[in-house]
Amino acid sequence: MSKALTIKDIAKLSGFSTGTVSRVLNNHPDLSPETKEKIEKIIEDHNYQPNVNAKQLKKTISSNIVIIVKGYGNILFADLLEQVQGNLSKKREEASVIFIDENQNEVMRAYQMLLEKKPKGFIFLGGNLENFRADFKRISVPCVLLTSDASELSFDNLSSFTTNDVSGAASAIQYLLENNHRRIGIVGGTEDSQITQNRVKSCIGVLKSHRIRFEDDYYEDSRFSMEGGYASTIKLLKRHSDISAIFAVSDTIAVGAIAAIRDSGKRVPEDISIIGFDGICVGHFIYPRLATIHQDTQELAKRGVDDLLLRIAYHGYGIHEEIPYQLIKGASIKKI
């Protein structure tokens, strides 16, 4: 078995100092593009993996990483949590998991944990940027935010990995329009959610670009749960029984919406088409199979965990990346 490469080996192969290699690994901004590109190519060509456990080789790793899950009923986060825990396990890392209500302040909960347990890092599954903007300065350890884009914030110890909510939602509405739907309702998450705001505004923008007026009462907010999706869709259909299609801000909401449509005496997709957002596993096994915008939770989790452990080991700067999405043309859409 060949010996694993070290930072010194990468430095020797690239012709740069170990300090320069370290700055590339830490996403340091004061590097020329040429230097960064050359070192990154060597890292990729040799499949270099930083040894995040080097300082703890003499003992079994007992990680103090905390995962904070925002919301109890969001199936996407259940899938993402499983992926995150799996990636941590592969690195011989353990983590504690805390669930909070979607209306609670996840940053202040992290700050409380920081004072009590002194963890070495946090992974947030979901988050409200206003909470980060107001309170994240209290957090001193490396953190990762998954599914929300924190690139507009200027915190060196915060990375984010997300799907492009604006583009994804636009693709969903465009698909409904391609199937000749014009009377479109939206069932969204809570109004203070950045994800909800981005997706709903994007939908309305696409409709306006096609000269389709969207009235406010064609939107109904909802908690990110099947129960929330059900209750909100019932309200929406009572106001507008002529709706031909619904965009649900998440698949979890969409599953509840489908039940509500049926309980209202209508059929999916014969009477009302529906498309969701997330690509959760459940959507593949309900009838009809759900059309959706699929988020790559496997890649989101992998990038998030790798980045966090790298910065815990080498004290690097946070980065912000978008993970590509895919439009899944399920059987829940009918062309009219």
Protein backbone atom coordinates (compact mmCIF):
# COMPACT_ATOMS: atom_id res chain seq x y z
CA MET A 1 0.00 0.00 0.00
CA SER A 2 1.40 3.42 -1.01
CA LYS A 3 2.03 5.96 1.70
CA ALA A 4 -0.52 8.77 1.94
CA LEU A 5 0.77 12.14 0.75
CA THR A 6 1.41 14.92 3.24
CA ILE A 7 1.40 18.69 2.86
CA LYS A 8 5.21 18.49 2.54
CA ASP A 9 4.83 16.11 -0.42
CA ILE A 10 2.37 18.45 -2.14
CA ALA A 11 4.77 21.36 -1.53
CA LYS A 12 7.66 19.43 -3.05
CA LEU A 13 5.64 18.41 -6.13
CA SER A 14 4.32 21.92 -6.70
CA GLY A 15 7.52 23.82 -5.96
CA PHE A 16 5.79 26.01 -3.37
CA SER A 17 6.28 26.22 0.37
CA THR A 18 4.17 24.24 2.84
CA GLY A 19 2.73 27.56 4.01
CA THR A 20 1.46 28.34 0.50
CA VAL A 21 -0.07 24.86 0.19
CA SER A 22 -1.74 25.33 3.55
CA ARG A 23 -3.24 28.63 2.41
CA VAL A 24 -4.71 26.93 -0.65
CA LEU A 25 -6.24 24.24 1.56
CA ASN A 26 -7.66 26.97 3.79
CA ASN A 27 -9.17 28.96 0.87
CA HIS A 28 -6.99 31.94 1.77
CA PRO A 29 -7.75 34.95 -0.45
CA ASP A 30 -4.18 36.32 -0.88
CA LEU A 31 -3.08 33.87 -3.59
CA SER A 32 -2.70 34.33 -7.33
CA PRO A 33 -5.10 32.28 -9.51
CA GLU A 34 -2.14 30.56 -11.18
CA THR A 35 -0.65 29.39 -7.86
CA LYS A 36 -4.02 28.21 -6.58
CA GLU A 37 -4.78 26.36 -9.84
CA LYS A 38 -1.39 24.60 -9.95
CA ILE A 39 -1.58 23.37 -6.35
CA GLU A 40 -5.24 22.32 -6.65
CA LYS A 41 -4.41 20.28 -9.78
CA ILE A 42 -1.66 18.40 -7.93
CA ILE A 43 -4.03 17.80 -5.00
CA GLU A 44 -6.68 16.44 -7.40
CA ASP A 45 -4.26 14.36 -9.49
CA HIS A 46 -2.87 12.65 -6.38
CA ASN A 47 -6.23 12.37 -4.59
CA TYR A 48 -4.76 14.10 -1.56
CA GLN A 49 -6.93 13.87 1.57
CA PRO A 50 -5.99 16.10 4.54
CA ASN A 51 -5.50 14.15 7.74
CA VAL A 52 -7.98 16.00 9.94
CA ASN A 53 -7.25 13.59 12.80
CA ALA A 54 -3.49 14.02 12.83
CA LYS A 55 -3.48 15.78 16.17
CA GLN A 56 -5.47 12.98 17.79
CA LEU A 57 -3.78 9.82 16.52
CA LYS A 58 -3.02 8.65 20.06
CA LYS A 59 -6.67 8.37 21.05
CA THR A 60 -10.03 7.43 19.63
CA ILE A 61 -11.75 10.45 18.19
CA SER A 62 -14.53 11.87 20.36
CA SER A 63 -15.87 14.75 18.32
CA ASN A 64 -17.63 17.74 19.75
CA ILE A 65 -19.40 18.60 16.50
CA VAL A 66 -23.03 19.65 16.92
CA ILE A 67 -25.67 19.37 14.19
CA ILE A 68 -28.62 21.74 14.60
CA VAL A 69 -31.73 20.76 12.60
CA LYS A 70 -34.21 23.58 12.06
CA GLY A 71 -37.73 22.09 12.10
CA TYR A 72 -39.21 18.77 13.12
CA GLY A 73 -41.25 17.76 10.07
CA ASN A 74 -39.02 18.54 7.08
CA ILE A 75 -38.24 15.22 5.39
CA LEU A 76 -35.42 16.79 3.39
CA PHE A 77 -33.53 17.44 6.61
CA ALA A 78 -34.04 13.83 7.73
CA ASP A 79 -32.32 12.67 4.53
CA LEU A 80 -29.62 15.32 4.80
CA LEU A 81 -29.00 14.49 8.46
CA GLU A 82 -28.47 10.83 7.59
CA GLN A 83 -25.99 11.80 4.87
CA VAL A 84 -24.10 14.16 7.20
CA GLN A 85 -23.87 11.57 9.96
CA GLY A 86 -22.67 8.97 7.46
CA ASN A 87 -19.90 11.24 6.23
CA LEU A 88 -18.83 12.06 9.78
CA SER A 89 -18.79 8.37 10.67
CA LYS A 90 -16.44 7.64 7.76
CA LYS A 91 -14.05 10.18 9.27
CA ARG A 92 -14.33 8.51 12.71
CA GLU A 93 -16.18 11.57 13.97
CA GLU A 94 -19.22 11.56 16.20
CA ALA A 95 -21.76 14.35 16.56
CA SER A 96 -24.67 15.28 18.75
CA VAL A 97 -27.93 16.31 17.07
CA ILE A 98 -30.30 19.00 18.27
CA PHE A 99 -33.75 19.58 16.77
CA ILE A 100 -35.36 22.99 17.19
CA ASP A 101 -38.66 24.46 15.98
CA GLU A 102 -38.43 26.18 12.59
CA ASN A 103 -39.36 29.48 14.26
CA GLN A 104 -36.57 29.28 16.86
CA ASN A 105 -33.24 31.10 16.59
CA GLU A 106 -30.72 28.44 15.57
CA VAL A 107 -27.73 30.76 16.08
CA MET A 108 -28.61 31.57 19.69
CA ARG A 109 -29.17 27.86 20.32
CA ALA A 110 -25.65 27.25 18.99
CA TYR A 111 -24.29 30.01 21.21
CA GLN A 112 -25.92 28.36 24.22
CA MET A 113 -24.27 25.05 23.26
CA LEU A 114 -20.95 26.81 22.77
CA LEU A 115 -21.05 28.11 26.33
CA GLU A 116 -22.20 24.81 27.84
CA LYS A 117 -20.36 22.14 25.82
CA LYS A 118 -17.62 24.02 23.94
CA PRO A 119 -18.00 22.08 20.66
CA LYS A 120 -15.34 22.47 18.00
CA GLY A 121 -17.81 23.08 15.18
CA PHE A 122 -21.45 23.33 14.12
CA ILE A 123 -23.42 22.12 11.10
CA PHE A 124 -26.73 23.92 10.59
CA LEU A 125 -29.42 22.15 8.57
CA GLY A 126 -31.48 25.14 7.54
CA GLY A 127 -31.22 28.64 8.87
CA ASN A 128 -32.61 32.15 8.86
CA LEU A 129 -30.04 34.63 7.56
CA GLU A 130 -31.46 37.37 9.78
CA ASN A 131 -30.52 35.26 12.81
CA PHE A 132 -27.00 34.82 11.44
CA ARG A 133 -26.68 38.49 10.59
CA ALA A 134 -27.73 39.56 14.08
CA ASP A 135 -26.12 36.93 16.31
CA PHE A 136 -23.43 34.88 14.52
CA LYS A 137 -20.66 37.21 15.69
CA ARG A 138 -21.00 35.41 19.03
CA ILE A 139 -19.87 32.10 17.45
CA SER A 140 -16.10 31.60 17.37
CA VAL A 141 -15.76 28.05 16.00
CA PRO A 142 -15.96 26.82 12.37
CA CYS A 143 -19.52 26.38 11.11
CA VAL A 144 -21.32 25.15 8.00
CA LEU A 145 -24.81 26.15 6.88
CA LEU A 146 -26.54 23.70 4.53
CA THR A 147 -29.47 24.61 2.20
CA SER A 148 -29.22 28.37 2.79
CA ASP A 149 -26.79 30.70 1.03
CA ALA A 150 -24.69 32.76 3.45
CA SER A 151 -22.38 34.28 0.83
CA GLU A 152 -23.73 37.78 1.53
CA LEU A 153 -22.53 37.56 5.14
CA SER A 154 -18.94 38.42 6.03
CA PHE A 155 -18.05 35.78 8.61
CA ASP A 156 -14.68 34.07 8.07
CA ASN A 157 -15.71 31.02 10.11
CA LEU A 158 -18.96 30.32 8.21
CA SER A 159 -19.29 28.26 5.02
CA SER A 160 -22.50 27.52 3.15
CA PHE A 161 -23.51 24.94 0.58
CA THR A 162 -26.87 25.27 -1.11
CA THR A 163 -29.01 24.76 -4.17
CA ASN A 164 -29.92 27.86 -6.16
CA ASP A 165 -33.45 28.43 -4.86
CA VAL A 166 -34.22 31.21 -7.33
CA SER A 167 -33.18 29.27 -10.42
CA GLY A 168 -34.73 26.02 -9.18
CA ALA A 169 -38.12 27.59 -8.45
CA ALA A 170 -38.05 29.33 -11.83
CA SER A 171 -37.47 25.96 -13.51
CA ALA A 172 -40.45 24.50 -11.66
CA ILE A 173 -42.82 27.28 -12.76
CA GLN A 174 -41.44 27.22 -16.29
CA TYR A 175 -42.24 23.50 -16.46
CA LEU A 176 -45.84 24.20 -15.40
CA LEU A 177 -46.11 26.89 -18.06
CA GLU A 178 -44.74 24.52 -20.70
CA ASN A 179 -47.64 22.23 -19.80
CA ASN A 180 -50.06 25.12 -20.40
CA HIS A 181 -50.92 25.87 -16.77
CA ARG A 182 -51.83 29.48 -16.06
CA ARG A 183 -54.00 29.29 -12.94
CA ILE A 184 -51.17 28.41 -10.55
CA GLY A 185 -51.30 28.45 -6.77
CA ILE A 186 -48.28 28.46 -4.45
CA VAL A 187 -48.10 26.71 -1.08
CA GLY A 188 -45.03 28.01 0.70
CA GLY A 189 -43.09 27.80 3.91
CA THR A 190 -43.19 30.43 6.63
CA GLU A 191 -42.92 34.01 5.41
CA ASP A 192 -39.76 34.78 7.42
CA SER A 193 -37.90 31.91 5.75
CA GLN A 194 -35.25 32.99 3.26
CA ILE A 195 -35.89 29.82 1.25
CA THR A 196 -39.60 30.64 1.02
CA GLN A 197 -38.94 34.24 0.04
CA ASN A 198 -36.44 33.30 -2.67
CA ARG A 199 -38.58 30.58 -4.21
CA VAL A 200 -41.89 32.45 -4.09
CA LYS A 201 -40.43 35.70 -5.48
CA SER A 202 -38.78 33.72 -8.26
CA CYS A 203 -42.09 32.04 -9.17
CA ILE A 204 -43.93 35.36 -9.29
CA GLY A 205 -41.15 36.86 -11.39
CA VAL A 206 -41.41 34.10 -14.00
CA LEU A 207 -45.19 34.48 -14.17
CA LYS A 208 -44.87 38.24 -14.64
CA SER A 209 -42.34 37.69 -17.41
CA HIS A 210 -45.08 35.72 -19.20
CA ARG A 211 -47.59 38.51 -18.51
CA ILE A 212 -49.48 36.37 -16.01
CA ARG A 213 -50.72 38.36 -13.05
CA PHE A 214 -50.27 36.62 -9.69
CA GLU A 215 -52.73 37.65 -7.01
CA ASP A 216 -51.58 37.44 -3.37
CA ASP A 217 -54.48 35.21 -2.38
CA TYR A 218 -53.18 32.47 -4.70
CA TYR A 219 -50.40 32.04 -2.15
CA GLU A 220 -50.81 30.26 1.20
CA ASP A 221 -47.96 30.01 3.69
CA SER A 222 -47.24 26.75 5.47
CA ARG A 223 -44.91 25.15 7.94
CA PHE A 224 -42.37 22.80 6.38
CA SER A 225 -44.38 19.67 7.21
CA MET A 226 -46.93 17.39 5.59
CA GLU A 227 -49.53 18.56 8.12
CA GLY A 228 -48.78 22.16 7.22
CA GLY A 229 -49.00 21.43 3.50
CA TYR A 230 -52.34 19.71 3.96
CA ALA A 231 -53.94 22.49 6.02
CA SER A 232 -52.66 25.28 3.76
CA THR A 233 -53.79 23.56 0.56
CA ILE A 234 -57.29 23.08 1.96
CA LYS A 235 -57.43 26.84 2.63
CA LEU A 236 -56.11 27.68 -0.83
CA LEU A 237 -58.60 25.42 -2.62
CA LYS A 238 -61.50 26.88 -0.68
CA ARG A 239 -60.58 30.30 -2.08
CA HIS A 240 -59.68 29.14 -5.59
CA SER A 241 -61.22 25.86 -6.70
CA ASP A 242 -60.30 26.72 -10.31
CA ILE A 243 -56.55 26.26 -9.75
CA SER A 244 -55.02 23.89 -12.33
CA ALA A 245 -51.59 23.54 -10.74
CA ILE A 246 -49.74 24.08 -7.45
CA PHE A 247 -46.10 24.77 -6.78
CA ALA A 248 -45.20 23.55 -3.30
CA VAL A 249 -42.11 25.21 -1.84
CA SER A 250 -40.91 21.80 -0.56
CA ASP A 251 -41.69 18.16 -1.28
CA THR A 252 -42.71 17.66 2.33
CA ILE A 253 -45.40 20.33 1.83
CA ALA A 254 -46.30 18.76 -1.54
CA VAL A 255 -47.05 15.35 0.03
CA GLY A 256 -49.54 17.00 2.37
CA ALA A 257 -50.95 19.04 -0.51
CA ILE A 258 -51.67 15.90 -2.55
CA ALA A 259 -53.71 14.46 0.32
CA ALA A 260 -55.59 17.76 0.62
CA ILE A 261 -56.38 17.81 -3.11
CA ARG A 262 -57.83 14.30 -2.91
CA ASP A 263 -59.82 15.05 0.23
CA SER A 264 -61.28 18.06 -1.60
CA GLY A 265 -62.74 15.69 -4.18
CA LYS A 266 -60.15 16.35 -6.89
CA ARG A 267 -57.52 14.18 -8.55
CA VAL A 268 -53.79 14.57 -9.17
CA PRO A 269 -52.90 15.27 -11.94
CA GLU A 270 -56.24 14.98 -13.78
CA ASP A 271 -57.74 18.01 -12.02
CA ILE A 272 -54.74 19.66 -10.35
CA SER A 273 -51.07 19.17 -11.21
CA ILE A 274 -48.41 19.66 -8.55
CA ILE A 275 -44.65 20.11 -8.45
CA GLY A 276 -42.44 20.27 -5.38
CA PHE A 277 -38.88 21.17 -4.48
CA ASP A 278 -36.20 18.99 -2.83
CA GLY A 279 -36.34 15.53 -4.42
CA ILE A 280 -36.95 13.61 -1.19
CA CYS A 281 -37.15 9.82 -1.38
CA VAL A 282 -40.85 9.75 -0.43
CA GLY A 283 -41.70 11.56 -3.67
CA HIS A 284 -40.62 8.50 -5.66
CA PHE A 285 -43.01 6.18 -3.84
CA ILE A 286 -46.25 8.17 -3.66
CA TYR A 287 -48.86 8.03 -6.41
CA PRO A 288 -48.57 9.77 -8.72
CA ARG A 289 -44.80 10.08 -8.60
CA LEU A 290 -43.97 13.66 -7.67
CA ALA A 291 -42.45 16.13 -10.12
CA THR A 292 -39.82 18.12 -8.27
CA ILE A 293 -36.58 20.07 -8.22
CA HIS A 294 -34.06 17.55 -6.90
CA GLN A 295 -31.38 18.74 -4.48
CA ASP A 296 -28.24 16.62 -4.31
CA THR A 297 -28.22 15.91 -0.56
CA GLN A 298 -25.32 13.50 -0.94
CA GLU A 299 -23.08 16.21 -2.37
CA LEU A 300 -24.39 18.87 0.02
CA ALA A 301 -23.54 16.66 2.98
CA LYS A 302 -20.14 15.60 1.66
CA ARG A 303 -19.01 19.11 0.83
CA GLY A 304 -20.27 20.43 4.15
CA VAL A 305 -18.57 17.79 6.27
CA ASP A 306 -15.29 17.91 4.33
CA ASP A 307 -15.15 21.67 4.59
CA LEU A 308 -15.91 21.75 8.31
CA LEU A 309 -13.31 19.13 9.23
CA LEU A 310 -10.70 20.80 7.05
CA ARG A 311 -11.22 24.16 8.74
CA ILE A 312 -11.27 22.60 12.21
CA ALA A 313 -7.86 21.09 11.46
CA TYR A 314 -6.26 23.96 9.57
CA HIS A 315 -8.23 27.08 10.64
CA GLY A 316 -9.20 28.11 7.10
CA TYR A 317 -11.66 30.63 5.74
CA GLY A 318 -15.28 29.79 5.00
CA ILE A 319 -16.41 29.21 1.42
CA HIS A 320 -19.80 29.37 -0.30
CA GLU A 321 -20.85 27.01 -3.07
CA GLU A 322 -23.95 26.16 -5.07
CA ILE A 323 -24.65 22.48 -5.74
CA PRO A 324 -26.43 21.82 -9.08
CA TYR A 325 -30.09 20.75 -9.04
CA GLN A 326 -32.13 18.61 -11.44
CA LEU A 327 -35.70 18.96 -12.69
CA ILE A 328 -37.52 15.64 -12.21
CA LYS A 329 -40.52 15.37 -14.54
CA GLY A 330 -42.77 13.16 -12.44
CA ALA A 331 -46.27 11.90 -13.16
CA SER A 332 -47.93 14.59 -11.02
CA ILE A 333 -48.01 17.03 -13.96
CA LYS A 334 -50.66 16.88 -16.70
CA LYS A 335 -50.48 18.86 -19.92
CA ILE A 336 -53.68 20.82 -20.56
